[in-house]
Amino acid sequence: MAFIDSDGAYRDGEISGFMEAPLDGNQHGYGVLVRSFSGSHDVEITDSEISGFQKNGIDARSLGGALSMLIDGNAISGAGGTGVLAQNGIVLLGGVTGAVTGNTISAIGYAGTGTQATGLMLYNSGSAAP
């Protein structure tokens, strides 16, 4: 699922199948990919199940445009504590604003060294209410 310089919503669905077989260290494969390069955009991901992703369950980045996210009521499940890849449940980068509420994030881990896996990563993000 991808929203590129667009507004939209994904509700009450299932997203799966964006993982290498077998799981490896490649840094790609997102359940939901959201990018704002220009303009102002609003995206909602609600009440959905996201699993079977390679790197990030939801990856939203403001890369020149404004982006507001509502991420609510989702069940996000990773591959567990693997030694090949540090997965992340939800990633908001580069000025993304909005709300992240009522989500269940599980099986996110990393058994290797030198990096960390996260349930929720906020990096240079704007105001994202818990």
Protein backbone atom coordinates (compact mmCIF):
# COMPACT_ATOMS: atom_id res chain seq x y z
CA MET A 1 0.00 0.00 0.00
CA ALA A 2 1.48 3.37 -0.98
CA PHE A 3 0.41 7.01 -0.74
CA ILE A 4 2.82 9.20 -2.73
CA ASP A 5 2.00 12.93 -2.66
CA SER A 6 -1.64 12.07 -2.07
CA ASP A 7 -4.37 12.15 0.54
CA GLY A 8 -6.22 9.00 1.46
CA ALA A 9 -7.27 6.40 3.97
CA TYR A 10 -6.91 2.67 4.45
CA ARG A 11 -9.41 1.22 6.91
CA ASP A 12 -10.39 -2.22 8.18
CA GLY A 13 -8.03 -4.18 5.94
CA GLU A 14 -5.14 -6.63 5.96
CA ILE A 15 -1.71 -5.92 4.48
CA SER A 16 0.85 -8.71 4.21
CA GLY A 17 3.44 -10.27 1.94
CA PHE A 18 6.24 -7.69 1.63
CA MET A 19 9.01 -9.88 3.05
CA GLU A 20 11.90 -11.74 1.42
CA ALA A 21 11.78 -15.52 1.74
CA PRO A 22 13.86 -16.29 3.66
CA LEU A 23 14.03 -13.04 5.60
CA ASP A 24 17.34 -11.27 4.94
CA GLY A 25 19.02 -7.95 5.73
CA ASN A 26 17.73 -5.96 2.73
CA GLN A 27 16.39 -2.58 3.88
CA HIS A 28 13.13 -2.52 1.89
CA GLY A 29 9.65 -4.01 2.06
CA TYR A 30 7.13 -1.79 3.83
CA GLY A 31 3.56 -2.70 4.73
CA VAL A 32 2.43 0.90 4.16
CA LEU A 33 4.65 3.49 2.43
CA VAL A 34 3.70 7.19 2.69
CA ARG A 35 5.74 10.01 1.11
CA SER A 36 5.08 13.75 0.83
CA PHE A 37 7.46 15.50 -1.58
CA SER A 38 5.34 18.63 -2.15
CA GLY A 39 2.06 20.12 -1.01
CA SER A 40 0.12 19.22 2.11
CA HIS A 41 -1.29 15.71 2.60
CA ASP A 42 -3.44 13.84 5.12
CA VAL A 43 -3.35 10.04 5.37
CA GLU A 44 -5.22 7.70 7.72
CA ILE A 45 -4.32 4.08 8.45
CA THR A 46 -6.92 2.68 10.86
CA ASP A 47 -8.25 -0.59 12.25
CA SER A 48 -6.06 -2.76 10.01
CA GLU A 49 -3.73 -5.75 10.37
CA ILE A 50 -0.19 -5.29 9.02
CA SER A 51 2.26 -8.21 8.98
CA GLY A 52 4.70 -10.00 6.69
CA PHE A 53 6.79 -6.90 5.99
CA GLN A 54 10.56 -6.81 5.53
CA LYS A 55 11.64 -3.52 7.19
CA ASN A 56 8.84 -1.26 8.49
CA GLY A 57 5.14 -1.86 9.08
CA ILE A 58 4.18 1.77 8.40
CA ASP A 59 6.83 4.15 7.02
CA ALA A 60 5.73 7.81 6.65
CA ARG A 61 8.17 10.54 5.60
CA SER A 62 7.84 14.22 4.84
CA LEU A 63 10.49 14.91 2.20
CA GLY A 64 9.68 18.50 1.26
CA GLY A 65 5.90 18.50 1.63
CA ALA A 66 3.69 18.57 4.72
CA LEU A 67 2.29 15.27 5.98
CA SER A 68 -0.26 14.61 8.71
CA MET A 69 -0.92 10.99 9.73
CA LEU A 70 -3.66 9.33 11.75
CA ILE A 71 -2.50 5.84 12.71
CA ASP A 72 -5.09 4.27 15.00
CA GLY A 73 -6.32 0.87 16.08
CA ASN A 74 -3.94 -1.21 13.98
CA ALA A 75 -2.34 -4.57 14.81
CA ILE A 76 1.24 -4.54 13.51
CA SER A 77 3.23 -7.77 13.78
CA GLY A 78 6.86 -8.28 12.77
CA ALA A 79 9.05 -11.36 12.33
CA GLY A 80 10.29 -11.41 15.93
CA GLY A 81 13.86 -11.16 17.22
CA THR A 82 15.85 -12.11 14.14
CA GLY A 83 19.60 -11.80 13.69
CA VAL A 84 19.38 -10.54 10.11
CA LEU A 85 17.25 -7.37 10.23
CA ALA A 86 16.05 -4.79 12.77
CA GLN A 87 12.39 -4.20 11.92
CA ASN A 88 10.31 -1.21 13.02
CA GLY A 89 6.58 -1.11 13.62
CA ILE A 90 5.80 2.55 12.82
CA VAL A 91 8.29 5.13 11.49
CA LEU A 92 7.54 8.88 11.23
CA LEU A 93 10.37 11.00 9.79
CA GLY A 94 11.01 14.55 8.63
CA GLY A 95 8.28 16.74 10.09
CA VAL A 96 5.37 14.30 9.96
CA THR A 97 2.60 15.38 12.36
CA GLY A 98 -0.57 13.71 13.56
CA ALA A 99 -1.67 11.05 16.02
CA VAL A 100 -0.55 7.50 16.75
CA THR A 101 -3.08 5.90 19.11
CA GLY A 102 -4.51 2.54 20.08
CA ASN A 103 -2.15 0.38 18.03
CA THR A 104 -0.81 -3.03 19.08
CA ILE A 105 2.76 -3.63 17.94
CA SER A 106 4.26 -7.08 18.48
CA ALA A 107 7.12 -9.38 17.39
CA ILE A 108 9.49 -6.48 16.66
CA GLY A 109 13.06 -7.25 17.71
CA TYR A 110 16.66 -7.71 16.72
CA ALA A 111 18.96 -10.44 18.06
CA GLY A 112 22.11 -9.03 16.44
CA THR A 113 24.41 -6.24 17.61
CA GLY A 114 25.10 -2.69 16.47
CA THR A 115 21.54 -1.53 15.83
CA GLN A 116 18.08 -1.57 17.42
CA ALA A 117 14.54 -2.43 16.40
CA THR A 118 11.68 -0.13 17.50
CA GLY A 119 7.94 -0.31 17.88
CA LEU A 120 7.58 3.44 17.20
CA MET A 121 10.37 5.58 15.70
CA LEU A 122 9.99 9.36 15.60
CA TYR A 123 12.91 11.12 13.90
CA ASN A 124 12.82 14.84 13.15
CA SER A 125 9.05 14.48 13.27
CA GLY A 126 6.61 17.20 14.16
CA SER A 127 3.96 16.92 16.81
CA ALA A 128 2.64 13.35 16.95
CA ALA A 129 0.25 12.89 19.85
CA PRO A 130 0.40 9.54 21.66
